[in-house]
């Protein structure tokens, strides 16, 4: 199903689309827009896959452990202090 939409690309993107067509990279403006949307769709899918993988990694890492902020800061101060000497 084809959907006809009217969009305002603005001066910058309008010129870019026109240049792509004039350079012979695409048959027409529609092809340029479809290529751009395909890239955006792919990037979104990759981002979602990375997020889902990170969530699964978190679940697979086991039960959460208590975090002692003061102990962490002490260890970091000790670590930085030992490297400064």
PDB file of N, CA and C in Angstrom:
ATOM      1  N   UNK A   1       0.846  -1.171   0.000  1.00  0.00           N
ATOM      2  CA  UNK A   1       0.000   0.000   0.000  1.00  0.00           C
ATOM      3  C   UNK A   1       0.893   1.235   0.000  1.00  0.00           C
ATOM      4  N   UNK A   2       0.647   2.116  -0.885  1.00  0.00           N
ATOM      5  CA  UNK A   2       1.429   3.334  -1.019  1.00  0.00           C
ATOM      6  C   UNK A   2       0.708   4.476  -0.321  1.00  0.00           C
ATOM      7  N   UNK A   3       1.458   5.236   0.452  1.00  0.00           N
ATOM      8  CA  UNK A   3       0.884   6.387   1.141  1.00  0.00           C
ATOM      9  C   UNK A   3       1.542   7.647   0.604  1.00  0.00           C
ATOM     10  N   UNK A   4       0.751   8.560   0.121  1.00  0.00           N
ATOM     11  CA  UNK A   4       1.267   9.820  -0.395  1.00  0.00           C
ATOM     12  C   UNK A   4       1.271  10.824   0.751  1.00  0.00           C
ATOM     13  N   UNK A   5       2.445  11.376   1.033  1.00  0.00           N
ATOM     14  CA  UNK A   5       2.601  12.355   2.104  1.00  0.00           C
ATOM     15  C   UNK A   5       3.284  13.590   1.538  1.00  0.00           C
ATOM     16  N   UNK A   6       2.885  14.723   1.992  1.00  0.00           N
ATOM     17  CA  UNK A   6       3.555  15.966   1.639  1.00  0.00           C
ATOM     18  C   UNK A   6       4.384  16.384   2.837  1.00  0.00           C
ATOM     19  N   UNK A   7       5.678  16.566   2.608  1.00  0.00           N
ATOM     20  CA  UNK A   7       6.569  16.955   3.702  1.00  0.00           C
ATOM     21  C   UNK A   7       7.403  18.153   3.280  1.00  0.00           C
ATOM     22  N   UNK A   8       7.808  18.943   4.258  1.00  0.00           N
ATOM     23  CA  UNK A   8       8.693  20.078   4.018  1.00  0.00           C
ATOM     24  C   UNK A   8      10.068  19.691   4.538  1.00  0.00           C
ATOM     25  N   UNK A   9      11.002  19.471   3.630  1.00  0.00           N
ATOM     26  CA  UNK A   9      12.344  19.051   4.014  1.00  0.00           C
ATOM     27  C   UNK A   9      13.206  20.201   4.503  1.00  0.00           C
ATOM     28  N   UNK A  10      12.795  21.398   4.202  1.00  0.00           N
ATOM     29  CA  UNK A  10      13.635  22.539   4.522  1.00  0.00           C
ATOM     30  C   UNK A  10      14.705  22.701   3.445  1.00  0.00           C
ATOM     31  N   UNK A  11      15.389  23.812   3.504  1.00  0.00           N
ATOM     32  CA  UNK A  11      16.373  24.138   2.471  1.00  0.00           C
ATOM     33  C   UNK A  11      17.533  23.144   2.433  1.00  0.00           C
ATOM     34  N   UNK A  12      18.094  22.839   3.590  1.00  0.00           N
ATOM     35  CA  UNK A  12      19.266  21.956   3.654  1.00  0.00           C
ATOM     36  C   UNK A  12      18.966  20.571   3.085  1.00  0.00           C
ATOM     37  N   UNK A  13      17.942  19.912   3.633  1.00  0.00           N
ATOM     38  CA  UNK A  13      17.643  18.551   3.193  1.00  0.00           C
ATOM     39  C   UNK A  13      17.060  18.520   1.781  1.00  0.00           C
ATOM     40  N   UNK A  14      16.325  19.549   1.413  1.00  0.00           N
ATOM     41  CA  UNK A  14      15.819  19.627   0.048  1.00  0.00           C
ATOM     42  C   UNK A  14      16.958  19.663  -0.956  1.00  0.00           C
ATOM     43  N   UNK A  15      17.971  20.476  -0.654  1.00  0.00           N
ATOM     44  CA  UNK A  15      19.146  20.563  -1.529  1.00  0.00           C
ATOM     45  C   UNK A  15      19.911  19.245  -1.542  1.00  0.00           C
ATOM     46  N   UNK A  16      19.990  18.591  -0.400  1.00  0.00           N
ATOM     47  CA  UNK A  16      20.689  17.308  -0.325  1.00  0.00           C
ATOM     48  C   UNK A  16      19.992  16.264  -1.192  1.00  0.00           C
ATOM     49  N   UNK A  17      18.688  16.176  -1.074  1.00  0.00           N
ATOM     50  CA  UNK A  17      17.918  15.218  -1.876  1.00  0.00           C
ATOM     51  C   UNK A  17      18.111  15.515  -3.357  1.00  0.00           C
ATOM     52  N   UNK A  18      18.002  16.770  -3.717  1.00  0.00           N
ATOM     53  CA  UNK A  18      18.172  17.163  -5.120  1.00  0.00           C
ATOM     54  C   UNK A  18      19.567  16.797  -5.628  1.00  0.00           C
ATOM     55  N   UNK A  19      20.582  17.028  -4.816  1.00  0.00           N
ATOM     56  CA  UNK A  19      21.958  16.703  -5.212  1.00  0.00           C
ATOM     57  C   UNK A  19      22.136  15.201  -5.408  1.00  0.00           C
ATOM     58  N   UNK A  20      21.497  14.401  -4.555  1.00  0.00           N
ATOM     59  CA  UNK A  20      21.596  12.947  -4.689  1.00  0.00           C
ATOM     60  C   UNK A  20      20.993  12.473  -6.006  1.00  0.00           C
ATOM     61  N   UNK A  21      19.878  13.050  -6.379  1.00  0.00           N
ATOM     62  CA  UNK A  21      19.219  12.686  -7.639  1.00  0.00           C
ATOM     63  C   UNK A  21      20.057  13.166  -8.820  1.00  0.00           C
ATOM     64  N   UNK A  22      20.527  14.408  -8.757  1.00  0.00           N
ATOM     65  CA  UNK A  22      21.328  14.966  -9.850  1.00  0.00           C
ATOM     66  C   UNK A  22      22.634  14.210 -10.048  1.00  0.00           C
ATOM     67  N   UNK A  23      23.204  13.687  -8.953  1.00  0.00           N
ATOM     68  CA  UNK A  23      24.455  12.927  -9.044  1.00  0.00           C
ATOM     69  C   UNK A  23      24.225  11.528  -9.602  1.00  0.00           C
ATOM     70  N   UNK A  24      22.974  11.157  -9.748  1.00  0.00           N
ATOM     71  CA  UNK A  24      22.663   9.832 -10.279  1.00  0.00           C
ATOM     72  C   UNK A  24      22.662   8.738  -9.232  1.00  0.00           C
ATOM     73  N   UNK A  25      22.733   9.117  -7.967  1.00  0.00           N
ATOM     74  CA  UNK A  25      22.729   8.125  -6.889  1.00  0.00           C
ATOM     75  C   UNK A  25      21.353   7.500  -6.686  1.00  0.00           C
ATOM     76  N   UNK A  26      20.316   8.235  -7.053  1.00  0.00           N
ATOM     77  CA  UNK A  26      18.940   7.766  -6.900  1.00  0.00           C
ATOM     78  C   UNK A  26      18.131   8.206  -8.108  1.00  0.00           C
ATOM     79  N   UNK A  27      17.099   7.443  -8.411  1.00  0.00           N
ATOM     80  CA  UNK A  27      16.254   7.750  -9.570  1.00  0.00           C
ATOM     81  C   UNK A  27      15.414   8.998  -9.344  1.00  0.00           C
ATOM     82  N   UNK A  28      14.966   9.178  -8.110  1.00  0.00           N
ATOM     83  CA  UNK A  28      14.110  10.329  -7.817  1.00  0.00           C
ATOM     84  C   UNK A  28      14.136  10.620  -6.323  1.00  0.00           C
ATOM     85  N   UNK A  29      13.463  11.700  -5.941  1.00  0.00           N
ATOM     86  CA  UNK A  29      13.448  12.119  -4.535  1.00  0.00           C
ATOM     87  C   UNK A  29      12.827  11.054  -3.641  1.00  0.00           C
ATOM     88  N   UNK A  30      11.813  10.368  -4.140  1.00  0.00           N
ATOM     89  CA  UNK A  30      11.180   9.316  -3.341  1.00  0.00           C
ATOM     90  C   UNK A  30      12.188   8.245  -2.945  1.00  0.00           C
ATOM     91  N   UNK A  31      13.066   7.885  -3.872  1.00  0.00           N
ATOM     92  CA  UNK A  31      14.061   6.851  -3.591  1.00  0.00           C
ATOM     93  C   UNK A  31      15.053   7.321  -2.527  1.00  0.00           C
ATOM     94  N   UNK A  32      15.411   8.597  -2.563  1.00  0.00           N
ATOM     95  CA  UNK A  32      16.316   9.147  -1.545  1.00  0.00           C
ATOM     96  C   UNK A  32      15.659   9.062  -0.173  1.00  0.00           C
ATOM     97  N   UNK A  33      14.417   9.478  -0.090  1.00  0.00           N
ATOM     98  CA  UNK A  33      13.695   9.465   1.182  1.00  0.00           C
ATOM     99  C   UNK A  33      13.521   8.042   1.691  1.00  0.00           C
ATOM    100  N   UNK A  34      13.179   7.113   0.804  1.00  0.00           N
ATOM    101  CA  UNK A  34      13.023   5.710   1.219  1.00  0.00           C
ATOM    102  C   UNK A  34      14.339   5.145   1.746  1.00  0.00           C
ATOM    103  N   UNK A  35      15.457   5.492   1.093  1.00  0.00           N
ATOM    104  CA  UNK A  35      16.766   5.018   1.554  1.00  0.00           C
ATOM    105  C   UNK A  35      17.071   5.563   2.948  1.00  0.00           C
ATOM    106  N   UNK A  36      16.783   6.841   3.155  1.00  0.00           N
ATOM    107  CA  UNK A  36      17.013   7.433   4.473  1.00  0.00           C
ATOM    108  C   UNK A  36      16.148   6.807   5.547  1.00  0.00           C
ATOM    109  N   UNK A  37      14.901   6.561   5.224  1.00  0.00           N
ATOM    110  CA  UNK A  37      13.996   5.929   6.193  1.00  0.00           C
ATOM    111  C   UNK A  37      14.410   4.493   6.481  1.00  0.00           C
ATOM    112  N   UNK A  38      14.918   3.799   5.466  1.00  0.00           N
ATOM    113  CA  UNK A  38      15.399   2.427   5.683  1.00  0.00           C
ATOM    114  C   UNK A  38      16.579   2.413   6.644  1.00  0.00           C
ATOM    115  N   UNK A  39      17.495   3.378   6.484  1.00  0.00           N
ATOM    116  CA  UNK A  39      18.630   3.471   7.404  1.00  0.00           C
ATOM    117  C   UNK A  39      18.162   3.763   8.826  1.00  0.00           C
ATOM    118  N   UNK A  40      17.216   4.668   8.965  1.00  0.00           N
ATOM    119  CA  UNK A  40      16.677   5.003  10.282  1.00  0.00           C
ATOM    120  C   UNK A  40      15.996   3.797  10.912  1.00  0.00           C
ATOM    121  N   UNK A  41      15.230   3.070  10.107  1.00  0.00           N
ATOM    122  CA  UNK A  41      14.544   1.879  10.600  1.00  0.00           C
ATOM    123  C   UNK A  41      15.555   0.827  11.063  1.00  0.00           C
ATOM    124  N   UNK A  42      16.622   0.634  10.281  1.00  0.00           N
ATOM    125  CA  UNK A  42      17.659  -0.337  10.649  1.00  0.00           C
ATOM    126  C   UNK A  42      18.363   0.079  11.939  1.00  0.00           C
ATOM    127  N   UNK A  43      18.696   1.380  12.047  1.00  0.00           N
ATOM    128  CA  UNK A  43      19.361   1.863  13.254  1.00  0.00           C
ATOM    129  C   UNK A  43      18.486   1.663  14.482  1.00  0.00           C
ATOM    130  N   UNK A  44      17.200   1.962  14.352  1.00  0.00           N
ATOM    131  CA  UNK A  44      16.278   1.762  15.470  1.00  0.00           C
ATOM    132  C   UNK A  44      16.208   0.296  15.874  1.00  0.00           C
ATOM    133  N   UNK A  45      16.171  -0.602  14.894  1.00  0.00           N
ATOM    134  CA  UNK A  45      16.120  -2.035  15.189  1.00  0.00           C
ATOM    135  C   UNK A  45      17.403  -2.483  15.882  1.00  0.00           C
ATOM    136  N   UNK A  46      18.550  -1.972  15.432  1.00  0.00           N
ATOM    137  CA  UNK A  46      19.825  -2.317  16.067  1.00  0.00           C
ATOM    138  C   UNK A  46      19.886  -1.783  17.491  1.00  0.00           C
ATOM    139  N   UNK A  47      19.420  -0.563  17.701  1.00  0.00           N
ATOM    140  CA  UNK A  47      19.387   0.011  19.051  1.00  0.00           C
ATOM    141  C   UNK A  47      18.511  -0.831  19.972  1.00  0.00           C
ATOM    142  N   UNK A  48      17.335  -1.215  19.476  1.00  0.00           N
ATOM    143  CA  UNK A  48      16.430  -2.027  20.283  1.00  0.00           C
ATOM    144  C   UNK A  48      17.058  -3.379  20.603  1.00  0.00           C
ATOM    145  N   UNK A  49      17.749  -3.978  19.640  1.00  0.00           N
ATOM    146  CA  UNK A  49      18.403  -5.268  19.874  1.00  0.00           C
ATOM    147  C   UNK A  49      19.493  -5.133  20.935  1.00  0.00           C
ATOM    148  N   UNK A  50      20.274  -4.038  20.890  1.00  0.00           N
ATOM    149  CA  UNK A  50      21.316  -3.825  21.906  1.00  0.00           C
ATOM    150  C   UNK A  50      20.701  -3.649  23.289  1.00  0.00           C
ATOM    151  N   UNK A  51      19.608  -2.910  23.363  1.00  0.00           N
ATOM    152  CA  UNK A  51      18.949  -2.697  24.651  1.00  0.00           C
ATOM    153  C   UNK A  51      18.407  -4.012  25.193  1.00  0.00           C
ATOM    154  N   UNK A  52      17.760  -4.783  24.330  1.00  0.00           N
ATOM    155  CA  UNK A  52      17.227  -6.076  24.768  1.00  0.00           C
ATOM    156  C   UNK A  52      18.346  -7.008  25.231  1.00  0.00           C
ATOM    157  N   UNK A  53      19.477  -6.998  24.517  1.00  0.00           N
ATOM    158  CA  UNK A  53      20.616  -7.834  24.904  1.00  0.00           C
ATOM    159  C   UNK A  53      21.167  -7.399  26.262  1.00  0.00           C
ATOM    160  N   UNK A  54      21.228  -6.093  26.496  1.00  0.00           N
ATOM    161  CA  UNK A  54      21.714  -5.594  27.783  1.00  0.00           C
ATOM    162  C   UNK A  54      20.770  -5.985  28.911  1.00  0.00           C
ATOM    163  N   UNK A  55      19.480  -5.940  28.648  1.00  0.00           N
ATOM    164  CA  UNK A  55      18.501  -6.356  29.658  1.00  0.00           C
ATOM    165  C   UNK A  55      18.670  -7.836  29.964  1.00  0.00           C
ATOM    166  N   UNK A  56      18.804  -8.648  28.923  1.00  0.00           N
ATOM    167  CA  UNK A  56      18.993 -10.091  29.130  1.00  0.00           C
ATOM    168  C   UNK A  56      20.283 -10.368  29.889  1.00  0.00           C
ATOM    169  N   UNK A  57      21.341  -9.632  29.556  1.00  0.00           N
ATOM    170  CA  UNK A  57      22.613  -9.794  30.264  1.00  0.00           C
ATOM    171  C   UNK A  57      22.437  -9.467  31.746  1.00  0.00           C
ATOM    172  N   UNK A  58      21.675  -8.428  32.019  1.00  0.00           N
ATOM    173  CA  UNK A  58      21.413  -8.063  33.406  1.00  0.00           C
ATOM    174  C   UNK A  58      20.652  -9.145  34.144  1.00  0.00           C
ATOM    175  N   UNK A  59      19.617  -9.701  33.504  1.00  0.00           N
ATOM    176  CA  UNK A  59      18.862 -10.785  34.132  1.00  0.00           C
ATOM    177  C   UNK A  59      19.748 -12.005  34.353  1.00  0.00           C
ATOM    178  N   UNK A  60      20.619 -12.300  33.388  1.00  0.00           N
ATOM    179  CA  UNK A  60      21.471 -13.487  33.474  1.00  0.00           C
ATOM    180  C   UNK A  60      22.602 -13.325  34.489  1.00  0.00           C
ATOM    181  N   UNK A  61      22.872 -12.099  34.911  1.00  0.00           N
ATOM    182  CA  UNK A  61      23.988 -11.874  35.826  1.00  0.00           C
ATOM    183  C   UNK A  61      23.676 -12.302  37.255  1.00  0.00           C
ATOM    184  N   UNK A  62      22.447 -12.658  37.509  1.00  0.00           N
ATOM    185  CA  UNK A  62      22.097 -13.155  38.833  1.00  0.00           C
ATOM    186  C   UNK A  62      21.394 -12.123  39.688  1.00  0.00           C
ATOM    187  N   UNK A  63      21.255 -12.483  40.927  1.00  0.00           N
ATOM    188  CA  UNK A  63      20.560 -11.619  41.879  1.00  0.00           C
ATOM    189  C   UNK A  63      21.394 -10.378  42.177  1.00  0.00           C
ATOM    190  N   UNK A  64      20.743  -9.269  42.421  1.00  0.00           N
ATOM    191  CA  UNK A  64      21.486  -8.055  42.763  1.00  0.00           C
ATOM    192  C   UNK A  64      22.145  -8.193  44.132  1.00  0.00           C
ATOM    193  N   UNK A  65      23.236  -7.480  44.300  1.00  0.00           N
ATOM    194  CA  UNK A  65      23.931  -7.482  45.587  1.00  0.00           C
ATOM    195  C   UNK A  65      23.844  -6.077  46.168  1.00  0.00           C
ATOM    196  N   UNK A  66      23.936  -6.010  47.469  1.00  0.00           N
ATOM    197  CA  UNK A  66      23.874  -4.715  48.142  1.00  0.00           C
ATOM    198  C   UNK A  66      25.078  -3.871  47.734  1.00  0.00           C
ATOM    199  N   UNK A  67      24.857  -2.591  47.576  1.00  0.00           N
ATOM    200  CA  UNK A  67      25.916  -1.667  47.200  1.00  0.00           C
ATOM    201  C   UNK A  67      26.191  -0.759  48.383  1.00  0.00           C
ATOM    202  N   UNK A  68      27.429  -0.793  48.852  1.00  0.00           N
ATOM    203  CA  UNK A  68      27.845   0.053  49.967  1.00  0.00           C
ATOM    204  C   UNK A  68      28.601   1.250  49.395  1.00  0.00           C
ATOM    205  N   UNK A  69      27.912   2.364  49.323  1.00  0.00           N
ATOM    206  CA  UNK A  69      28.492   3.566  48.720  1.00  0.00           C
ATOM    207  C   UNK A  69      29.767   4.000  49.425  1.00  0.00           C
ATOM    208  N   UNK A  70      29.760   4.005  50.741  1.00  0.00           N
ATOM    209  CA  UNK A  70      30.931   4.456  51.497  1.00  0.00           C
ATOM    210  C   UNK A  70      32.129   3.544  51.257  1.00  0.00           C
ATOM    211  N   UNK A  71      31.895   2.243  51.233  1.00  0.00           N
ATOM    212  CA  UNK A  71      32.979   1.291  50.964  1.00  0.00           C
ATOM    213  C   UNK A  71      33.528   1.486  49.550  1.00  0.00           C
ATOM    214  N   UNK A  72      32.645   1.697  48.602  1.00  0.00           N
ATOM    215  CA  UNK A  72      33.069   1.932  47.221  1.00  0.00           C
ATOM    216  C   UNK A  72      33.948   3.181  47.136  1.00  0.00           C
ATOM    217  N   UNK A  73      33.506   4.272  47.749  1.00  0.00           N
ATOM    218  CA  UNK A  73      34.284   5.510  47.717  1.00  0.00           C
ATOM    219  C   UNK A  73      35.638   5.335  48.396  1.00  0.00           C
ATOM    220  N   UNK A  74      35.670   4.589  49.505  1.00  0.00           N
ATOM    221  CA  UNK A  74      36.942   4.333  50.190  1.00  0.00           C
ATOM    222  C   UNK A  74      37.894   3.586  49.272  1.00  0.00           C
ATOM    223  N   UNK A  75      37.392   2.545  48.596  1.00  0.00           N
ATOM    224  CA  UNK A  75      38.247   1.772  47.684  1.00  0.00           C
ATOM    225  C   UNK A  75      38.746   2.631  46.528  1.00  0.00           C
ATOM    226  N   UNK A  76      37.899   3.505  46.019  1.00  0.00           N
ATOM    227  CA  UNK A  76      38.316   4.368  44.914  1.00  0.00           C
ATOM    228  C   UNK A  76      39.369   5.375  45.369  1.00  0.00           C
ATOM    229  N   UNK A  77      39.193   5.931  46.569  1.00  0.00           N
ATOM    230  CA  UNK A  77      40.196   6.855  47.100  1.00  0.00           C
ATOM    231  C   UNK A  77      41.519   6.133  47.312  1.00  0.00           C
ATOM    232  N   UNK A  78      41.458   4.911  47.836  1.00  0.00           N
ATOM    233  CA  UNK A  78      42.674   4.119  48.027  1.00  0.00           C
ATOM    234  C   UNK A  78      43.346   3.829  46.689  1.00  0.00           C
ATOM    235  N   UNK A  79      42.557   3.477  45.695  1.00  0.00           N
ATOM    236  CA  UNK A  79      43.087   3.148  44.373  1.00  0.00           C
ATOM    237  C   UNK A  79      43.747   4.368  43.735  1.00  0.00           C
ATOM    238  N   UNK A  80      43.085   5.494  43.781  1.00  0.00           N
ATOM    239  CA  UNK A  80      43.635   6.712  43.188  1.00  0.00           C
ATOM    240  C   UNK A  80      44.872   7.153  43.957  1.00  0.00           C
ATOM    241  N   UNK A  81      44.818   7.054  45.267  1.00  0.00           N
ATOM    242  CA  UNK A  81      45.960   7.438  46.086  1.00  0.00           C
ATOM    243  C   UNK A  81      47.177   6.573  45.817  1.00  0.00           C
ATOM    244  N   UNK A  82      46.981   5.272  45.611  1.00  0.00           N
ATOM    245  CA  UNK A  82      48.112   4.377  45.363  1.00  0.00           C
ATOM    246  C   UNK A  82      48.718   4.610  43.984  1.00  0.00           C
ATOM    247  N   UNK A  83      47.939   5.062  43.029  1.00  0.00           N
ATOM    248  CA  UNK A  83      48.461   5.326  41.684  1.00  0.00           C
ATOM    249  C   UNK A  83      49.180   6.669  41.625  1.00  0.00           C
ATOM    250  N   UNK A  84      48.839   7.582  42.526  1.00  0.00           N
ATOM    251  CA  UNK A  84      49.448   8.907  42.519  1.00  0.00           C
ATOM    252  C   UNK A  84      50.859   8.870  43.089  1.00  0.00           C
ATOM    253  N   UNK A  85      51.183   7.829  43.826  1.00  0.00           N
ATOM    254  CA  UNK A  85      52.503   7.760  44.478  1.00  0.00           C
ATOM    255  C   UNK A  85      53.540   7.156  43.589  1.00  0.00           C
TER     256      UNK A  85
END
